[in-house]
PDB file of N, CA and C in Angstrom:
ATOM      1  N   MET A   1     -41.195   4.860  27.360  1.00  0.00           N
ATOM      2  CA  MET A   1     -40.281   4.121  28.194  1.00  0.00           C
ATOM      3  C   MET A   1     -39.051   3.735  27.366  1.00  0.00           C
ATOM      4  N   LYS A   2     -37.887   3.972  27.910  1.00  0.00           N
ATOM      5  CA  LYS A   2     -36.632   3.669  27.238  1.00  0.00           C
ATOM      6  C   LYS A   2     -36.186   2.263  27.614  1.00  0.00           C
ATOM      7  N   THR A   3     -35.913   1.434  26.592  1.00  0.00           N
ATOM      8  CA  THR A   3     -35.552   0.042  26.863  1.00  0.00           C
ATOM      9  C   THR A   3     -34.059  -0.224  26.703  1.00  0.00           C
ATOM     10  N   GLY A   4     -33.347   0.642  25.996  1.00  0.00           N
ATOM     11  CA  GLY A   4     -31.922   0.417  25.763  1.00  0.00           C
ATOM     12  C   GLY A   4     -31.643  -0.602  24.667  1.00  0.00           C
ATOM     13  N   LEU A   5     -32.689  -1.049  23.982  1.00  0.00           N
ATOM     14  CA  LEU A   5     -32.491  -2.008  22.896  1.00  0.00           C
ATOM     15  C   LEU A   5     -31.920  -1.307  21.675  1.00  0.00           C
ATOM     16  N   VAL A   6     -31.002  -1.976  21.019  1.00  0.00           N
ATOM     17  CA  VAL A   6     -30.446  -1.463  19.775  1.00  0.00           C
ATOM     18  C   VAL A   6     -31.231  -2.103  18.635  1.00  0.00           C
ATOM     19  N   VAL A   7     -31.710  -1.293  17.720  1.00  0.00           N
ATOM     20  CA  VAL A   7     -32.489  -1.794  16.589  1.00  0.00           C
ATOM     21  C   VAL A   7     -31.626  -1.763  15.332  1.00  0.00           C
ATOM     22  N   TYR A   8     -31.535  -2.916  14.671  1.00  0.00           N
ATOM     23  CA  TYR A   8     -30.765  -3.025  13.438  1.00  0.00           C
ATOM     24  C   TYR A   8     -31.706  -3.134  12.254  1.00  0.00           C
ATOM     25  N   ASP A   9     -31.252  -2.646  11.135  1.00  0.00           N
ATOM     26  CA  ASP A   9     -32.060  -2.681   9.919  1.00  0.00           C
ATOM     27  C   ASP A   9     -31.742  -3.957   9.153  1.00  0.00           C
ATOM     28  N   ASP A  10     -32.521  -5.017   9.387  1.00  0.00           N
ATOM     29  CA  ASP A  10     -32.262  -6.272   8.678  1.00  0.00           C
ATOM     30  C   ASP A  10     -32.883  -6.289   7.284  1.00  0.00           C
ATOM     31  N   SER A  11     -33.509  -5.171   6.877  1.00  0.00           N
ATOM     32  CA  SER A  11     -34.033  -5.077   5.520  1.00  0.00           C
ATOM     33  C   SER A  11     -32.957  -4.577   4.548  1.00  0.00           C
ATOM     34  N   ALA A  12     -31.823  -4.144   5.071  1.00  0.00           N
ATOM     35  CA  ALA A  12     -30.727  -3.686   4.212  1.00  0.00           C
ATOM     36  C   ALA A  12     -30.213  -4.860   3.381  1.00  0.00           C
ATOM     37  N   PRO A  13     -29.756  -4.590   2.150  1.00  0.00           N
ATOM     38  CA  PRO A  13     -29.218  -5.666   1.321  1.00  0.00           C
ATOM     39  C   PRO A  13     -28.022  -6.333   1.999  1.00  0.00           C
ATOM     40  N   LEU A  14     -27.801  -7.591   1.676  1.00  0.00           N
ATOM     41  CA  LEU A  14     -26.645  -8.306   2.210  1.00  0.00           C
ATOM     42  C   LEU A  14     -25.359  -7.576   1.826  1.00  0.00           C
ATOM     43  N   PRO A  15     -24.342  -7.636   2.671  1.00  0.00           N
ATOM     44  CA  PRO A  15     -23.077  -6.977   2.321  1.00  0.00           C
ATOM     45  C   PRO A  15     -22.389  -7.731   1.191  1.00  0.00           C
ATOM     46  N   SER A  16     -21.644  -6.996   0.374  1.00  0.00           N
ATOM     47  CA  SER A  16     -20.875  -7.635  -0.700  1.00  0.00           C
ATOM     48  C   SER A  16     -19.708  -6.735  -1.086  1.00  0.00           C
ATOM     49  N   ILE A  17     -18.745  -7.338  -1.731  1.00  0.00           N
ATOM     50  CA  ILE A  17     -17.622  -6.583  -2.283  1.00  0.00           C
ATOM     51  C   ILE A  17     -18.029  -6.170  -3.681  1.00  0.00           C
ATOM     52  N   SER A  18     -18.159  -4.864  -3.911  1.00  0.00           N
ATOM     53  CA  SER A  18     -18.606  -4.401  -5.224  1.00  0.00           C
ATOM     54  C   SER A  18     -17.440  -4.213  -6.177  1.00  0.00           C
ATOM     55  N   GLN A  19     -16.252  -3.985  -5.643  1.00  0.00           N
ATOM     56  CA  GLN A  19     -15.071  -3.849  -6.488  1.00  0.00           C
ATOM     57  C   GLN A  19     -13.865  -4.301  -5.689  1.00  0.00           C
ATOM     58  N   LEU A  20     -13.011  -5.110  -6.303  1.00  0.00           N
ATOM     59  CA  LEU A  20     -11.791  -5.588  -5.667  1.00  0.00           C
ATOM     60  C   LEU A  20     -10.669  -5.518  -6.680  1.00  0.00           C
ATOM     61  N   SER A  21      -9.599  -4.845  -6.305  1.00  0.00           N
ATOM     62  CA  SER A  21      -8.410  -4.823  -7.148  1.00  0.00           C
ATOM     63  C   SER A  21      -7.203  -5.051  -6.255  1.00  0.00           C
ATOM     64  N   TYR A  22      -6.099  -5.378  -6.865  1.00  0.00           N
ATOM     65  CA  TYR A  22      -4.890  -5.673  -6.110  1.00  0.00           C
ATOM     66  C   TYR A  22      -3.683  -5.387  -6.982  1.00  0.00           C
ATOM     67  N   GLN A  23      -2.592  -5.135  -6.307  1.00  0.00           N
ATOM     68  CA  GLN A  23      -1.339  -4.841  -6.987  1.00  0.00           C
ATOM     69  C   GLN A  23      -0.239  -5.535  -6.205  1.00  0.00           C
ATOM     70  N   GLN A  24       0.658  -6.208  -6.897  1.00  0.00           N
ATOM     71  CA  GLN A  24       1.738  -6.925  -6.240  1.00  0.00           C
ATOM     72  C   GLN A  24       3.074  -6.464  -6.776  1.00  0.00           C
ATOM     73  N   ASP A  25       4.032  -6.306  -5.857  1.00  0.00           N
ATOM     74  CA  ASP A  25       5.429  -6.158  -6.266  1.00  0.00           C
ATOM     75  C   ASP A  25       6.199  -7.252  -5.526  1.00  0.00           C
ATOM     76  N   ASP A  26       7.516  -7.202  -5.538  1.00  0.00           N
ATOM     77  CA  ASP A  26       8.302  -8.279  -4.929  1.00  0.00           C
ATOM     78  C   ASP A  26       8.073  -8.426  -3.428  1.00  0.00           C
ATOM     79  N   ALA A  27       7.781  -7.344  -2.735  1.00  0.00           N
ATOM     80  CA  ALA A  27       7.733  -7.379  -1.275  1.00  0.00           C
ATOM     81  C   ALA A  27       6.333  -7.311  -0.681  1.00  0.00           C
ATOM     82  N   LYS A  28       5.320  -6.904  -1.462  1.00  0.00           N
ATOM     83  CA  LYS A  28       3.993  -6.751  -0.855  1.00  0.00           C
ATOM     84  C   LYS A  28       2.889  -6.885  -1.898  1.00  0.00           C
ATOM     85  N   ILE A  29       1.680  -7.106  -1.388  1.00  0.00           N
ATOM     86  CA  ILE A  29       0.472  -7.068  -2.198  1.00  0.00           C
ATOM     87  C   ILE A  29      -0.460  -6.050  -1.533  1.00  0.00           C
ATOM     88  N   THR A  30      -1.116  -5.238  -2.342  1.00  0.00           N
ATOM     89  CA  THR A  30      -2.045  -4.228  -1.836  1.00  0.00           C
ATOM     90  C   THR A  30      -3.431  -4.522  -2.387  1.00  0.00           C
ATOM     91  N   PHE A  31      -4.388  -4.699  -1.475  1.00  0.00           N
ATOM     92  CA  PHE A  31      -5.784  -4.899  -1.854  1.00  0.00           C
ATOM     93  C   PHE A  31      -6.535  -3.587  -1.717  1.00  0.00           C
ATOM     94  N   SER A  32      -7.380  -3.268  -2.686  1.00  0.00           N
ATOM     95  CA  SER A  32      -8.279  -2.113  -2.625  1.00  0.00           C
ATOM     96  C   SER A  32      -9.683  -2.641  -2.877  1.00  0.00           C
ATOM     97  N   LEU A  33     -10.641  -2.257  -2.011  1.00  0.00           N
ATOM     98  CA  LEU A  33     -11.977  -2.769  -2.207  1.00  0.00           C
ATOM     99  C   LEU A  33     -13.031  -1.725  -1.867  1.00  0.00           C
ATOM    100  N   ASP A  34     -14.170  -1.879  -2.518  1.00  0.00           N
ATOM    101  CA  ASP A  34     -15.374  -1.108  -2.230  1.00  0.00           C
ATOM    102  C   ASP A  34     -16.432  -2.096  -1.759  1.00  0.00           C
ATOM    103  N   ILE A  35     -17.230  -1.674  -0.794  1.00  0.00           N
ATOM    104  CA  ILE A  35     -18.263  -2.520  -0.207  1.00  0.00           C
ATOM    105  C   ILE A  35     -19.624  -1.885  -0.479  1.00  0.00           C
ATOM    106  N   LYS A  36     -20.611  -2.728  -0.758  1.00  0.00           N
ATOM    107  CA  LYS A  36     -21.983  -2.220  -0.866  1.00  0.00           C
ATOM    108  C   LYS A  36     -22.882  -3.068   0.019  1.00  0.00           C
ATOM    109  N   GLY A  37     -24.030  -2.492   0.377  1.00  0.00           N
ATOM    110  CA  GLY A  37     -24.998  -3.204   1.200  1.00  0.00           C
ATOM    111  C   GLY A  37     -24.547  -3.314   2.647  1.00  0.00           C
ATOM    112  N   GLY A  38     -25.234  -4.157   3.363  1.00  0.00           N
ATOM    113  CA  GLY A  38     -24.922  -4.370   4.763  1.00  0.00           C
ATOM    114  C   GLY A  38     -25.640  -3.391   5.666  1.00  0.00           C
ATOM    115  N   SER A  39     -25.876  -3.800   6.880  1.00  0.00           N
ATOM    116  CA  SER A  39     -26.547  -2.979   7.879  1.00  0.00           C
ATOM    117  C   SER A  39     -25.517  -2.407   8.837  1.00  0.00           C
ATOM    118  N   GLY A  40     -25.562  -1.100   9.055  1.00  0.00           N
ATOM    119  CA  GLY A  40     -24.658  -0.463  10.010  1.00  0.00           C
ATOM    120  C   GLY A  40     -23.208  -0.510   9.563  1.00  0.00           C
ATOM    121  N   ALA A  41     -22.318  -0.567  10.542  1.00  0.00           N
ATOM    122  CA  ALA A  41     -20.885  -0.614  10.256  1.00  0.00           C
ATOM    123  C   ALA A  41     -20.535  -1.976   9.664  1.00  0.00           C
ATOM    124  N   VAL A  42     -19.535  -2.003   8.814  1.00  0.00           N
ATOM    125  CA  VAL A  42     -19.086  -3.237   8.192  1.00  0.00           C
ATOM    126  C   VAL A  42     -17.591  -3.415   8.450  1.00  0.00           C
ATOM    127  N   LEU A  43     -17.138  -4.642   8.321  1.00  0.00           N
ATOM    128  CA  LEU A  43     -15.705  -4.933   8.377  1.00  0.00           C
ATOM    129  C   LEU A  43     -15.395  -5.918   7.265  1.00  0.00           C
ATOM    130  N   TYR A  44     -14.115  -6.040   6.943  1.00  0.00           N
ATOM    131  CA  TYR A  44     -13.735  -7.043   5.952  1.00  0.00           C
ATOM    132  C   TYR A  44     -12.681  -7.955   6.539  1.00  0.00           C
ATOM    133  N   GLN A  45     -12.672  -9.181   6.045  1.00  0.00           N
ATOM    134  CA  GLN A  45     -11.748 -10.204   6.513  1.00  0.00           C
ATOM    135  C   GLN A  45     -10.896 -10.676   5.342  1.00  0.00           C
ATOM    136  N   ILE A  46      -9.638 -10.965   5.636  1.00  0.00           N
ATOM    137  CA  ILE A  46      -8.725 -11.528   4.644  1.00  0.00           C
ATOM    138  C   ILE A  46      -8.187 -12.835   5.214  1.00  0.00           C
ATOM    139  N   ASP A  47      -8.393 -13.915   4.490  1.00  0.00           N
ATOM    140  CA  ASP A  47      -7.815 -15.204   4.847  1.00  0.00           C
ATOM    141  C   ASP A  47      -6.640 -15.478   3.920  1.00  0.00           C
ATOM    142  N   ARG A  48      -5.650 -16.206   4.443  1.00  0.00           N
ATOM    143  CA  ARG A  48      -4.464 -16.527   3.647  1.00  0.00           C
ATOM    144  C   ARG A  48      -4.138 -17.999   3.820  1.00  0.00           C
ATOM    145  N   ALA A  49      -3.657 -18.603   2.752  1.00  0.00           N
ATOM    146  CA  ALA A  49      -3.193 -19.989   2.785  1.00  0.00           C
ATOM    147  C   ALA A  49      -1.884 -20.064   2.012  1.00  0.00           C
ATOM    148  N   GLU A  50      -1.010 -20.939   2.459  1.00  0.00           N
ATOM    149  CA  GLU A  50       0.226 -21.161   1.716  1.00  0.00           C
ATOM    150  C   GLU A  50      -0.068 -22.105   0.558  1.00  0.00           C
ATOM    151  N   ILE A  51       0.623 -21.879  -0.551  1.00  0.00           N
ATOM    152  CA  ILE A  51       0.510 -22.769  -1.701  1.00  0.00           C
ATOM    153  C   ILE A  51       1.661 -23.754  -1.623  1.00  0.00           C
ATOM    154  N   GLU A  52       1.321 -25.034  -1.594  1.00  0.00           N
ATOM    155  CA  GLU A  52       2.328 -26.085  -1.472  1.00  0.00           C
ATOM    156  C   GLU A  52       3.153 -26.142  -2.753  1.00  0.00           C
ATOM    157  N   ALA A  53       4.467 -26.120  -2.618  1.00  0.00           N
ATOM    158  CA  ALA A  53       5.372 -26.056  -3.768  1.00  0.00           C
ATOM    159  C   ALA A  53       5.285 -27.300  -4.649  1.00  0.00           C
ATOM    160  N   ASP A  54       5.192 -28.493  -4.042  1.00  0.00           N
ATOM    161  CA  ASP A  54       5.228 -29.721  -4.839  1.00  0.00           C
ATOM    162  C   ASP A  54       3.938 -29.977  -5.618  1.00  0.00           C
ATOM    163  N   CYS A  55       2.788 -29.697  -5.038  1.00  0.00           N
ATOM    164  CA  CYS A  55       1.526 -29.993  -5.717  1.00  0.00           C
ATOM    165  C   CYS A  55       0.800 -28.750  -6.238  1.00  0.00           C
ATOM    166  N   LYS A  56       1.303 -27.565  -5.906  1.00  0.00           N
ATOM    167  CA  LYS A  56       0.676 -26.296  -6.300  1.00  0.00           C
ATOM    168  C   LYS A  56      -0.745 -26.164  -5.750  1.00  0.00           C
ATOM    169  N   CYS A  57      -1.053 -26.931  -4.683  1.00  0.00           N
ATOM    170  CA  CYS A  57      -2.381 -26.877  -4.085  1.00  0.00           C
ATOM    171  C   CYS A  57      -2.401 -25.886  -2.916  1.00  0.00           C
ATOM    172  N   VAL A  58      -3.596 -25.396  -2.620  1.00  0.00           N
ATOM    173  CA  VAL A  58      -3.777 -24.419  -1.553  1.00  0.00           C
ATOM    174  C   VAL A  58      -3.914 -25.160  -0.225  1.00  0.00           C
ATOM    175  N   GLY A  59      -3.133 -24.739   0.778  1.00  0.00           N
ATOM    176  CA  GLY A  59      -3.186 -25.346   2.109  1.00  0.00           C
ATOM    177  C   GLY A  59      -4.394 -24.868   2.893  1.00  0.00           C
ATOM    178  N   ASP A  60      -4.334 -25.002   4.200  1.00  0.00           N
ATOM    179  CA  ASP A  60      -5.440 -24.608   5.073  1.00  0.00           C
ATOM    180  C   ASP A  60      -5.561 -23.091   5.137  1.00  0.00           C
ATOM    181  N   TRP A  61      -6.799 -22.611   5.089  1.00  0.00           N
ATOM    182  CA  TRP A  61      -7.068 -21.172   5.199  1.00  0.00           C
ATOM    183  C   TRP A  61      -6.973 -20.746   6.661  1.00  0.00           C
ATOM    184  N   LEU A  62      -6.296 -19.631   6.900  1.00  0.00           N
ATOM    185  CA  LEU A  62      -6.193 -19.034   8.225  1.00  0.00           C
ATOM    186  C   LEU A  62      -6.567 -17.566   8.133  1.00  0.00           C
ATOM    187  N   ARG A  63      -7.211 -17.046   9.172  1.00  0.00           N
ATOM    188  CA  ARG A  63      -7.540 -15.617   9.192  1.00  0.00           C
ATOM    189  C   ARG A  63      -6.237 -14.830   9.294  1.00  0.00           C
ATOM    190  N   TYR A  64      -5.977 -13.999   8.306  1.00  0.00           N
ATOM    191  CA  TYR A  64      -4.765 -13.198   8.287  1.00  0.00           C
ATOM    192  C   TYR A  64      -5.020 -11.798   8.838  1.00  0.00           C
ATOM    193  N   TYR A  65      -6.196 -11.229   8.509  1.00  0.00           N
ATOM    194  CA  TYR A  65      -6.489  -9.853   8.925  1.00  0.00           C
ATOM    195  C   TYR A  65      -7.989  -9.658   9.014  1.00  0.00           C
ATOM    196  N   GLU A  66      -8.414  -8.874  10.020  1.00  0.00           N
ATOM    197  CA  GLU A  66      -9.796  -8.447  10.125  1.00  0.00           C
ATOM    198  C   GLU A  66      -9.783  -6.965  10.447  1.00  0.00           C
ATOM    199  N   SER A  67     -10.447  -6.175   9.615  1.00  0.00           N
ATOM    200  CA  SER A  67     -10.475  -4.726   9.817  1.00  0.00           C
ATOM    201  C   SER A  67     -11.357  -4.379  11.009  1.00  0.00           C
ATOM    202  N   SER A  68     -11.268  -3.163  11.466  1.00  0.00           N
ATOM    203  CA  SER A  68     -12.187  -2.639  12.470  1.00  0.00           C
ATOM    204  C   SER A  68     -13.525  -2.353  11.794  1.00  0.00           C
ATOM    205  N   SER A  69     -14.605  -2.399  12.551  1.00  0.00           N
ATOM    206  CA  SER A  69     -15.909  -2.028  12.006  1.00  0.00           C
ATOM    207  C   SER A  69     -15.906  -0.544  11.676  1.00  0.00           C
ATOM    208  N   SER A  70     -16.493  -0.215  10.533  1.00  0.00           N
ATOM    209  CA  SER A  70     -16.497   1.174  10.086  1.00  0.00           C
ATOM    210  C   SER A  70     -17.694   1.420   9.179  1.00  0.00           C
ATOM    211  N   GLU A  71     -18.122   2.662   9.132  1.00  0.00           N
ATOM    212  CA  GLU A  71     -19.176   3.059   8.191  1.00  0.00           C
ATOM    213  C   GLU A  71     -18.602   3.244   6.791  1.00  0.00           C
ATOM    214  N   GLN A  72     -17.274   3.379   6.686  1.00  0.00           N
ATOM    215  CA  GLN A  72     -16.638   3.602   5.383  1.00  0.00           C
ATOM    216  C   GLN A  72     -16.811   2.372   4.505  1.00  0.00           C
ATOM    217  N   ARG A  73     -17.167   2.612   3.252  1.00  0.00           N
ATOM    218  CA  ARG A  73     -17.391   1.508   2.324  1.00  0.00           C
ATOM    219  C   ARG A  73     -16.612   1.643   1.019  1.00  0.00           C
ATOM    220  N   LEU A  74     -16.004   2.784   0.780  1.00  0.00           N
ATOM    221  CA  LEU A  74     -15.309   3.008  -0.485  1.00  0.00           C
ATOM    222  C   LEU A  74     -13.818   3.210  -0.263  1.00  0.00           C
ATOM    223  N   VAL A  75     -13.036   2.735  -1.213  1.00  0.00           N
ATOM    224  CA  VAL A  75     -11.584   2.910  -1.274  1.00  0.00           C
ATOM    225  C   VAL A  75     -10.903   2.425   0.017  1.00  0.00           C
ATOM    226  N   LEU A  76     -11.240   1.226   0.447  1.00  0.00           N
ATOM    227  CA  LEU A  76     -10.574   0.604   1.588  1.00  0.00           C
ATOM    228  C   LEU A  76      -9.316  -0.091   1.076  1.00  0.00           C
ATOM    229  N   GLN A  77      -8.204   0.028   1.809  1.00  0.00           N
ATOM    230  CA  GLN A  77      -6.960  -0.574   1.347  1.00  0.00           C
ATOM    231  C   GLN A  77      -6.260  -1.321   2.470  1.00  0.00           C
ATOM    232  N   ARG A  78      -5.551  -2.386   2.084  1.00  0.00           N
ATOM    233  CA  ARG A  78      -4.729  -3.135   3.024  1.00  0.00           C
ATOM    234  C   ARG A  78      -3.464  -3.580   2.313  1.00  0.00           C
ATOM    235  N   HIS A  79      -2.305  -3.295   2.920  1.00  0.00           N
ATOM    236  CA  HIS A  79      -1.002  -3.703   2.393  1.00  0.00           C
ATOM    237  C   HIS A  79      -0.535  -4.920   3.190  1.00  0.00           C
ATOM    238  N   ILE A  80      -0.067  -5.941   2.487  1.00  0.00           N
ATOM    239  CA  ILE A  80       0.406  -7.162   3.133  1.00  0.00           C
ATOM    240  C   ILE A  80       1.811  -7.466   2.635  1.00  0.00           C
ATOM    241  N   LYS A  81       2.762  -7.607   3.567  1.00  0.00           N
ATOM    242  CA  LYS A  81       4.136  -7.959   3.203  1.00  0.00           C
ATOM    243  C   LYS A  81       4.199  -9.426   2.820  1.00  0.00           C
ATOM    244  N   LEU A  82       5.021  -9.733   1.832  1.00  0.00           N
ATOM    245  CA  LEU A  82       5.161 -11.098   1.346  1.00  0.00           C
ATOM    246  C   LEU A  82       6.580 -11.601   1.588  1.00  0.00           C
ATOM    247  N   ARG A  83       6.685 -12.885   1.900  1.00  0.00           N
ATOM    248  CA  ARG A  83       8.005 -13.532   1.921  1.00  0.00           C
ATOM    249  C   ARG A  83       8.269 -13.983   0.498  1.00  0.00           C
ATOM    250  N   THR A  84       9.414 -13.637  -0.015  1.00  0.00           N
ATOM    251  CA  THR A  84       9.677 -13.856  -1.438  1.00  0.00           C
ATOM    252  C   THR A  84       9.749 -15.327  -1.840  1.00  0.00           C
ATOM    253  N   LYS A  85      10.083 -16.233  -0.934  1.00  0.00           N
ATOM    254  CA  LYS A  85      10.220 -17.641  -1.319  1.00  0.00           C
ATOM    255  C   LYS A  85       8.937 -18.444  -1.119  1.00  0.00           C
ATOM    256  N   GLN A  86       7.881 -17.816  -0.614  1.00  0.00           N
ATOM    257  CA  GLN A  86       6.627 -18.528  -0.366  1.00  0.00           C
ATOM    258  C   GLN A  86       5.512 -17.950  -1.237  1.00  0.00           C
ATOM    259  N   ASN A  87       4.737 -18.828  -1.845  1.00  0.00           N
ATOM    260  CA  ASN A  87       3.569 -18.403  -2.615  1.00  0.00           C
ATOM    261  C   ASN A  87       2.329 -18.535  -1.742  1.00  0.00           C
ATOM    262  N   TYR A  88       1.419 -17.556  -1.881  1.00  0.00           N
ATOM    263  CA  TYR A  88       0.222 -17.512  -1.043  1.00  0.00           C
ATOM    264  C   TYR A  88      -1.041 -17.425  -1.892  1.00  0.00           C
ATOM    265  N   ALA A  89      -2.161 -17.801  -1.260  1.00  0.00           N
ATOM    266  CA  ALA A  89      -3.489 -17.581  -1.817  1.00  0.00           C
ATOM    267  C   ALA A  89      -4.246 -16.723  -0.801  1.00  0.00           C
ATOM    268  N   PHE A  90      -5.041 -15.778  -1.300  1.00  0.00           N
ATOM    269  CA  PHE A  90      -5.837 -14.896  -0.446  1.00  0.00           C
ATOM    270  C   PHE A  90      -7.292 -14.941  -0.888  1.00  0.00           C
ATOM    271  N   ARG A  91      -8.188 -14.691   0.063  1.00  0.00           N
ATOM    272  CA  ARG A  91      -9.606 -14.506  -0.230  1.00  0.00           C
ATOM    273  C   ARG A  91     -10.149 -13.479   0.759  1.00  0.00           C
ATOM    274  N   LEU A  92     -11.157 -12.712   0.330  1.00  0.00           N
ATOM    275  CA  LEU A  92     -11.725 -11.646   1.152  1.00  0.00           C
ATOM    276  C   LEU A  92     -13.235 -11.788   1.228  1.00  0.00           C
ATOM    277  N   ARG A  93     -13.818 -11.291   2.330  1.00  0.00           N
ATOM    278  CA  ARG A  93     -15.268 -11.210   2.460  1.00  0.00           C
ATOM    279  C   ARG A  93     -15.608 -10.064   3.404  1.00  0.00           C
ATOM    280  N   VAL A  94     -16.898  -9.711   3.435  1.00  0.00           N
ATOM    281  CA  VAL A  94     -17.405  -8.591   4.229  1.00  0.00           C
ATOM    282  C   VAL A  94     -18.403  -9.128   5.259  1.00  0.00           C
ATOM    283  N   VAL A  95     -18.414  -8.509   6.446  1.00  0.00           N
ATOM    284  CA  VAL A  95     -19.365  -8.852   7.503  1.00  0.00           C
ATOM    285  C   VAL A  95     -20.022  -7.557   7.975  1.00  0.00           C
ATOM    286  N   ASP A  96     -21.364  -7.556   8.090  1.00  0.00           N
ATOM    287  CA  ASP A  96     -22.036  -6.338   8.569  1.00  0.00           C
ATOM    288  C   ASP A  96     -22.319  -6.432  10.066  1.00  0.00           C
ATOM    289  N   SER A  97     -22.949  -5.392  10.614  1.00  0.00           N
ATOM    290  CA  SER A  97     -23.186  -5.316  12.060  1.00  0.00           C
ATOM    291  C   SER A  97     -24.161  -6.378  12.564  1.00  0.00           C
ATOM    292  N   LEU A  98     -24.919  -6.999  11.663  1.00  0.00           N
ATOM    293  CA  LEU A  98     -25.826  -8.086  12.041  1.00  0.00           C
ATOM    294  C   LEU A  98     -25.130  -9.447  11.981  1.00  0.00           C
ATOM    295  N   GLY A  99     -23.860  -9.447  11.571  1.00  0.00           N
ATOM    296  CA  GLY A  99     -23.122 -10.700  11.450  1.00  0.00           C
ATOM    297  C   GLY A  99     -23.336 -11.395  10.125  1.00  0.00           C
ATOM    298  N   ARG A 100     -24.034 -10.738   9.195  1.00  0.00           N
ATOM    299  CA  ARG A 100     -24.260 -11.345   7.869  1.00  0.00           C
ATOM    300  C   ARG A 100     -22.977 -11.236   7.059  1.00  0.00           C
ATOM    301  N   LYS A 101     -22.625 -12.325   6.399  1.00  0.00           N
ATOM    302  CA  LYS A 101     -21.355 -12.396   5.665  1.00  0.00           C
ATOM    303  C   LYS A 101     -21.604 -12.461   4.169  1.00  0.00           C
ATOM    304  N   SER A 102     -20.715 -11.801   3.416  1.00  0.00           N
ATOM    305  CA  SER A 102     -20.777 -11.901   1.959  1.00  0.00           C
ATOM    306  C   SER A 102     -20.139 -13.220   1.533  1.00  0.00           C
ATOM    307  N   ALA A 103     -20.280 -13.537   0.273  1.00  0.00           N
ATOM    308  CA  ALA A 103     -19.557 -14.670  -0.296  1.00  0.00           C
ATOM    309  C   ALA A 103     -18.064 -14.319  -0.320  1.00  0.00           C
ATOM    310  N   TRP A 104     -17.217 -15.339  -0.333  1.00  0.00           N
ATOM    311  CA  TRP A 104     -15.784 -15.099  -0.465  1.00  0.00           C
ATOM    312  C   TRP A 104     -15.488 -14.591  -1.867  1.00  0.00           C
ATOM    313  N   SER A 105     -14.481 -13.764  -1.977  1.00  0.00           N
ATOM    314  CA  SER A 105     -14.020 -13.307  -3.297  1.00  0.00           C
ATOM    315  C   SER A 105     -13.382 -14.487  -4.025  1.00  0.00           C
ATOM    316  N   LYS A 106     -13.050 -14.282  -5.280  1.00  0.00           N
ATOM    317  CA  LYS A 106     -12.261 -15.270  -6.001  1.00  0.00           C
ATOM    318  C   LYS A 106     -10.916 -15.403  -5.303  1.00  0.00           C
ATOM    319  N   VAL A 107     -10.310 -16.566  -5.410  1.00  0.00           N
ATOM    320  CA  VAL A 107      -8.997 -16.801  -4.815  1.00  0.00           C
ATOM    321  C   VAL A 107      -7.946 -16.054  -5.626  1.00  0.00           C
ATOM    322  N   ILE A 108      -7.088 -15.336  -4.928  1.00  0.00           N
ATOM    323  CA  ILE A 108      -6.007 -14.576  -5.553  1.00  0.00           C
ATOM    324  C   ILE A 108      -4.695 -15.224  -5.127  1.00  0.00           C
ATOM    325  N   LYS A 109      -3.900 -15.661  -6.095  1.00  0.00           N
ATOM    326  CA  LYS A 109      -2.637 -16.339  -5.791  1.00  0.00           C
ATOM    327  C   LYS A 109      -1.459 -15.435  -6.145  1.00  0.00           C
ATOM    328  N   THR A 110      -0.448 -15.463  -5.277  1.00  0.00           N
ATOM    329  CA  THR A 110       0.790 -14.740  -5.574  1.00  0.00           C
ATOM    330  C   THR A 110       1.825 -15.744  -6.063  1.00  0.00           C
ATOM    331  N   LYS A 111       2.562 -15.366  -7.078  1.00  0.00           N
ATOM    332  CA  LYS A 111       3.675 -16.174  -7.569  1.00  0.00           C
ATOM    333  C   LYS A 111       4.288 -15.401  -8.732  1.00  0.00           C
ATOM    334  N   GLY A 112       5.255 -14.583  -8.465  1.00  0.00           N
ATOM    335  CA  GLY A 112       5.844 -13.785  -9.507  1.00  0.00           C
ATOM    336  C   GLY A 112       4.847 -12.771 -10.002  1.00  0.00           C
ATOM    337  N   LYS A 113       3.747 -13.242 -10.539  1.00  0.00           N
ATOM    338  CA  LYS A 113       2.630 -12.364 -10.883  1.00  0.00           C
ATOM    339  C   LYS A 113       1.355 -12.977 -10.336  1.00  0.00           C
ATOM    340  N   ILE A 114       0.322 -12.187 -10.219  1.00  0.00           N
ATOM    341  CA  ILE A 114      -0.924 -12.636  -9.603  1.00  0.00           C
ATOM    342  C   ILE A 114      -1.779 -13.361 -10.635  1.00  0.00           C
ATOM    343  N   THR A 115      -2.409 -14.453 -10.190  1.00  0.00           N
ATOM    344  CA  THR A 115      -3.331 -15.190 -11.048  1.00  0.00           C
ATOM    345  C   THR A 115      -4.648 -15.374 -10.320  1.00  0.00           C
ATOM    346  N   HIS A 116      -5.740 -15.595 -11.072  1.00  0.00           N
ATOM    347  CA  HIS A 116      -7.074 -15.857 -10.499  1.00  0.00           C
ATOM    348  C   HIS A 116      -7.363 -17.343 -10.592  1.00  0.00           C
ATOM    349  N   GLU A 117      -8.295 -17.756  -9.765  1.00  0.00           N
ATOM    350  CA  GLU A 117      -8.825 -19.110  -9.890  1.00  0.00           C
ATOM    351  C   GLU A 117     -10.316 -19.074  -9.758  1.00  0.00           C
TER     352      GLU A 117
END
């Protein structure tokens, strides 16, 4: 008897970012990432926050981009245009088809050159 139920493999390892690199020039930042683990198709999310000029603190995080679900896990790239007078912080994570989320990446800040926190 056919039930139409979709069966997911919840024994698969949790999704994670196995490699993350980035490159910044004056007008854009490019993220490249590899994903491992996760059940079924995966997507990645990028959150962005403005860095306050007076205190150098990170403002509220907002969802900037969410990729489409895909089976692809290697050499994923996203280009983001930057406003030259504003400094930003970014963080990335992965979500699998079961809704399981990876930990957030380290915070990446733009300001002339990229720094980690």
